[in-house]
Amino acid sequence: MLPTLSDLQRANLVLPESQWEKSVPPVHARGIRSTYYRALVQSGVVGAICTRDFIANVVVPITAAAKVSWWAVVPNEYRGKCNAFVSHAWYDMFIRENPRGVALTLALEADRDPELFFWMDAFCLNQHTEITGLTPTLHKTLQEAGTVYVTISDYALFDRSWCMYELASAIRMDGVTLCARVGKPACSLEDYYSGQPQSAQAFDKRDKEQIDATILKEYGSWDEFDKLLYHFVERTSPMYL
C-alpha cells in the first residue's frame, strides 16, 4: 500500500504543508542527507516499489498542488548542499530487502557517513517543472557533488540511455570520483553491462533521439562511447554494504 501525505508526516519524513520551502537553492546545490534514506526505510511506510512508481504515485501527487520538489518538503535537518550524486535507473527497485533497493543501499551509507548529502533526481528535481529533456544543469551538479554513486539493485542502469550519458559525463570530468554500490553480493559491474549502448532505451522516443545525437556529437561514435564505459566497468569493483 502506497504511503499518503499523512503517513509521511507522522513519520517525520515530510513537513506540514505550511512549512514547505518556497525558495529553494539552484538544482545543483540541493542535497538530502543519507540519514533521511535510513529514516525512510525504517519508517516502514514504503514497501517494495521501483523508483519510477515511487515518483509517479508518491512524489508527484503529494507535491502537485504546490508544484515543488521533494527537497522542498523534507524536514530541514535532512537538507543541505549536495556532496554526492546518485546515478541510478528509474526502473530499479527503490526500497526492497533482496536484492537491496537503491534507497536501502543509500540508507546503509548513513552508517558510514551521516554527512553525505545525496543529489538524487527523484527528490532534488521538481518533477513538475524541471524534468524535461537533457537536464541542462547535469555537468554543474556532477561537479558540485564531486562523488558519483553508481547504484544498482537488479535493473541495470546500462540499459537506459540517459543513465549511460550521465555516467560517461562523470567519467570524463576532472575532479569527480566514482564508486559503485550493488544490491547483491559477489557480482561485478560486468554482470550488468551489455556492451551495446546504442540499444539502450529512454521513456520518450524524442528523449532517446536527443540523447543519442548528443552522445555521437560528444564522443564521435558508439565504439568510442562503449570503450569509455567498458573501461570504467572493467576496473571498478562494486561494494555490497
Protein backbone atom coordinates (compact mmCIF):
# COMPACT_ATOMS: atom_id res chain seq x y z
CA MET A 1 0.00 0.00 0.00
CA LEU A 2 1.44 3.38 -1.02
CA PRO A 3 2.04 5.95 1.74
CA THR A 4 -0.15 9.04 1.99
CA LEU A 5 0.96 12.52 2.92
CA SER A 6 -0.36 11.92 6.44
CA ASP A 7 1.67 8.70 6.73
CA LEU A 8 4.85 10.51 5.73
CA GLN A 9 4.17 13.47 8.03
CA ARG A 10 3.55 11.16 11.01
CA ALA A 11 6.91 9.52 10.27
CA ASN A 12 8.56 12.98 10.17
CA LEU A 13 9.60 12.42 6.56
CA VAL A 14 7.57 15.34 5.19
CA LEU A 15 6.94 18.73 6.77
CA PRO A 16 3.47 20.17 7.41
CA GLU A 17 2.35 21.90 4.21
CA SER A 18 2.55 25.35 5.81
CA GLN A 19 6.31 24.81 6.21
CA TRP A 20 7.09 23.66 2.67
CA GLU A 21 10.04 25.57 1.29
CA LYS A 22 9.01 28.17 -1.30
CA SER A 23 12.50 29.49 -2.04
CA VAL A 24 14.89 26.68 -2.96
CA PRO A 25 18.58 26.78 -3.93
CA PRO A 26 19.65 26.06 -7.53
CA VAL A 27 19.16 22.47 -8.68
CA HIS A 28 22.87 21.66 -8.49
CA ALA A 29 23.10 22.66 -4.82
CA ARG A 30 20.25 20.56 -3.41
CA GLY A 31 21.15 17.52 -1.34
CA ILE A 32 19.32 15.20 1.08
CA ARG A 33 21.25 13.71 3.99
CA SER A 34 21.96 9.97 3.96
CA THR A 35 20.13 9.60 7.29
CA TYR A 36 16.87 10.58 5.53
CA TYR A 37 17.06 7.38 3.49
CA ARG A 38 17.63 5.42 6.69
CA ALA A 39 14.57 7.08 8.28
CA LEU A 40 12.54 6.38 5.13
CA VAL A 41 13.46 2.69 5.15
CA GLN A 42 13.00 2.29 8.91
CA SER A 43 9.60 4.01 8.86
CA GLY A 44 8.08 1.07 7.02
CA VAL A 45 5.68 3.36 5.15
CA VAL A 46 7.11 2.44 1.74
CA GLY A 47 7.23 -1.17 0.56
CA ALA A 48 8.86 -2.83 -2.43
CA ILE A 49 8.43 -0.37 -5.27
CA CYS A 50 10.58 0.82 -8.15
CA THR A 51 11.83 4.39 -8.25
CA ARG A 52 9.62 5.35 -11.19
CA ASP A 53 6.49 4.16 -9.37
CA PHE A 54 7.57 5.96 -6.19
CA ILE A 55 7.89 9.18 -8.18
CA ALA A 56 4.62 8.71 -10.09
CA ASN A 57 2.50 7.53 -7.17
CA VAL A 58 4.01 9.34 -4.20
CA VAL A 59 6.26 12.27 -5.13
CA VAL A 60 4.18 13.74 -7.97
CA PRO A 61 0.69 13.61 -6.40
CA ILE A 62 1.85 14.84 -2.99
CA THR A 63 3.71 17.84 -4.43
CA ALA A 64 1.25 18.54 -7.29
CA ALA A 65 -0.77 21.35 -5.70
CA ALA A 66 2.31 23.30 -4.57
CA LYS A 67 4.37 22.27 -7.64
CA VAL A 68 7.57 21.91 -5.61
CA SER A 69 10.37 19.35 -5.50
CA TRP A 70 10.51 16.68 -2.79
CA TRP A 71 13.56 18.51 -1.44
CA ALA A 72 11.24 21.39 -0.52
CA VAL A 73 9.02 19.20 1.68
CA VAL A 74 11.79 17.34 3.54
CA PRO A 75 12.46 18.43 7.16
CA ASN A 76 15.25 20.99 7.35
CA GLU A 77 17.62 18.76 9.34
CA TYR A 78 17.88 16.49 6.32
CA ARG A 79 18.50 19.21 3.73
CA GLY A 80 21.88 20.59 2.72
CA LYS A 81 24.27 21.26 -0.11
CA CYS A 82 24.92 18.12 -2.14
CA ASN A 83 28.29 16.38 -1.88
CA ALA A 84 27.34 13.12 -3.61
CA PHE A 85 25.41 12.34 -6.80
CA VAL A 86 23.27 9.21 -7.19
CA SER A 87 23.29 7.59 -10.64
CA HIS A 88 20.51 5.00 -10.90
CA ALA A 89 17.78 3.70 -13.20
CA TRP A 90 14.18 4.67 -12.51
CA TYR A 91 13.07 1.09 -13.25
CA ASP A 92 15.32 -0.23 -10.49
CA MET A 93 13.84 -1.07 -7.10
CA PHE A 94 13.64 1.80 -4.63
CA ILE A 95 13.00 0.04 -1.33
CA ARG A 96 13.39 -3.73 -1.09
CA GLU A 97 15.33 -6.19 1.03
CA ASN A 98 16.75 -8.61 -1.55
CA PRO A 99 18.32 -7.55 -3.80
CA ARG A 100 18.67 -4.31 -1.88
CA GLY A 101 16.80 -1.40 -3.39
CA VAL A 102 18.52 1.88 -4.18
CA ALA A 103 17.10 3.69 -1.14
CA LEU A 104 18.13 0.86 1.19
CA THR A 105 21.68 0.97 -0.19
CA LEU A 106 21.81 4.72 0.39
CA ALA A 107 20.39 4.23 3.90
CA LEU A 108 23.32 1.93 4.72
CA GLU A 109 25.70 4.71 3.64
CA ALA A 110 24.37 6.72 6.60
CA ASP A 111 26.23 4.36 8.95
CA ARG A 112 29.45 5.05 7.06
CA ASP A 113 28.96 8.80 6.65
CA PRO A 114 25.93 10.67 8.08
CA GLU A 115 27.23 13.88 6.48
CA LEU A 116 26.66 12.64 2.94
CA PHE A 117 24.07 14.81 1.17
CA PHE A 118 22.85 12.94 -1.89
CA TRP A 119 21.63 14.60 -5.05
CA MET A 120 19.03 12.22 -6.43
CA ASP A 121 16.81 13.29 -9.32
CA ALA A 122 13.68 11.76 -7.76
CA PHE A 123 13.94 14.10 -4.79
CA CYS A 124 16.01 17.07 -5.91
CA LEU A 125 14.42 17.84 -9.29
CA ASN A 126 11.00 19.45 -9.37
CA GLN A 127 9.05 16.70 -11.13
CA HIS A 128 6.53 19.27 -12.38
CA THR A 129 8.85 21.82 -13.97
CA GLU A 130 12.47 20.56 -14.14
CA ILE A 131 12.24 17.12 -15.70
CA THR A 132 12.26 17.70 -19.47
CA GLY A 133 14.96 16.63 -21.93
CA LEU A 134 18.65 16.60 -21.10
CA THR A 135 18.96 18.32 -17.75
CA PRO A 136 20.95 21.48 -18.51
CA THR A 137 22.46 21.51 -15.04
CA LEU A 138 23.87 17.95 -15.19
CA HIS A 139 27.55 18.87 -15.53
CA LYS A 140 27.33 21.58 -12.88
CA THR A 141 25.60 19.15 -10.50
CA LEU A 142 28.24 16.46 -11.04
CA GLN A 143 31.00 18.97 -10.37
CA GLU A 144 29.25 20.32 -7.27
CA ALA A 145 28.78 16.81 -5.87
CA GLY A 146 32.35 15.66 -6.55
CA THR A 147 31.47 12.00 -5.93
CA VAL A 148 29.12 9.84 -8.01
CA TYR A 149 27.49 6.73 -6.55
CA VAL A 150 26.61 4.29 -9.33
CA THR A 151 23.81 2.40 -7.60
CA ILE A 152 22.25 -0.82 -8.92
CA SER A 153 19.72 -3.16 -7.32
CA ASP A 154 18.85 -5.57 -10.13
CA TYR A 155 17.84 -3.33 -13.06
CA ALA A 156 20.98 -2.21 -14.85
CA LEU A 157 21.32 1.49 -15.43
CA PHE A 158 23.34 0.44 -18.50
CA ASP A 159 20.01 -0.28 -20.21
CA ARG A 160 18.96 3.39 -20.02
CA SER A 161 20.28 6.00 -22.46
CA TRP A 162 20.17 8.90 -20.01
CA CYS A 163 21.92 6.92 -17.25
CA MET A 164 24.80 5.98 -19.54
CA TYR A 165 25.22 9.53 -20.79
CA GLU A 166 25.18 10.75 -17.17
CA LEU A 167 27.81 8.16 -16.19
CA ALA A 168 30.04 8.91 -19.19
CA SER A 169 29.90 12.63 -18.36
CA ALA A 170 31.09 11.89 -14.83
CA ILE A 171 33.89 9.58 -16.03
CA ARG A 172 35.31 12.32 -18.27
CA MET A 173 35.04 15.08 -15.69
CA ASP A 174 38.15 16.16 -13.79
CA GLY A 175 37.84 16.16 -10.02
CA VAL A 176 34.90 13.73 -9.87
CA THR A 177 35.29 10.42 -8.02
CA LEU A 178 33.16 7.43 -8.98
CA CYS A 179 32.20 4.46 -6.85
CA ALA A 180 29.67 1.66 -7.30
CA ARG A 181 27.14 0.09 -4.94
CA VAL A 182 25.17 -3.06 -5.77
CA GLY A 183 22.18 -4.75 -4.17
CA LYS A 184 23.54 -8.28 -4.03
CA PRO A 185 26.92 -9.75 -3.05
CA ALA A 186 29.54 -11.37 -5.27
CA CYS A 187 28.75 -9.59 -8.51
CA SER A 188 30.70 -7.28 -10.78
CA LEU A 189 29.60 -4.41 -12.98
CA GLU A 190 30.43 -6.61 -15.97
CA ASP A 191 27.46 -8.75 -14.94
CA TYR A 192 25.21 -5.81 -15.81
CA TYR A 193 26.90 -4.34 -18.90
CA SER A 194 25.61 -5.47 -22.31
CA GLY A 195 28.24 -3.67 -24.40
CA GLN A 196 25.57 -2.25 -26.70
CA PRO A 197 24.94 1.32 -25.53
CA GLN A 198 23.17 2.25 -28.78
CA SER A 199 20.41 -0.23 -27.86
CA ALA A 200 19.64 1.45 -24.54
CA GLN A 201 16.16 2.89 -24.04
CA ALA A 202 14.50 6.08 -22.81
CA PHE A 203 10.96 6.76 -21.59
CA ASP A 204 10.23 9.02 -24.55
CA LYS A 205 11.27 8.46 -28.16
CA ARG A 206 12.24 12.13 -28.53
CA ASP A 207 14.46 11.90 -25.45
CA LYS A 208 16.17 8.83 -26.92
CA GLU A 209 16.83 10.69 -30.18
CA GLN A 210 18.18 13.74 -28.36
CA ILE A 211 20.45 11.71 -26.07
CA ASP A 212 21.78 9.58 -28.95
CA ALA A 213 22.53 12.70 -31.00
CA THR A 214 24.33 14.29 -28.03
CA ILE A 215 26.41 11.14 -27.44
CA LEU A 216 27.51 10.95 -31.08
CA LYS A 217 28.33 14.66 -31.11
CA GLU A 218 30.42 14.49 -27.93
CA TYR A 219 32.07 11.07 -28.37
CA GLY A 220 32.28 10.71 -32.16
CA SER A 221 31.00 7.15 -32.40
CA TRP A 222 29.25 4.42 -30.43
CA ASP A 223 32.52 2.46 -30.33
CA GLU A 224 34.30 5.28 -28.51
CA PHE A 225 31.38 5.70 -26.11
CA ASP A 226 31.35 1.95 -25.42
CA LYS A 227 35.12 1.88 -24.78
CA LEU A 228 34.83 4.65 -22.20
CA LEU A 229 32.02 2.90 -20.33
CA TYR A 230 33.58 -0.56 -20.52
CA HIS A 231 36.89 0.73 -19.17
CA PHE A 232 35.00 2.00 -16.11
CA VAL A 233 33.03 -1.24 -15.75
CA GLU A 234 36.16 -3.38 -16.07
CA ARG A 235 38.25 -1.55 -13.49
CA THR A 236 35.57 -0.69 -10.90
CA SER A 237 34.85 -3.14 -8.10
CA PRO A 238 31.37 -2.51 -6.72
CA MET A 239 30.72 -2.62 -3.00
CA TYR A 240 27.89 -4.52 -1.34
CA LEU A 241 27.30 -2.94 2.08
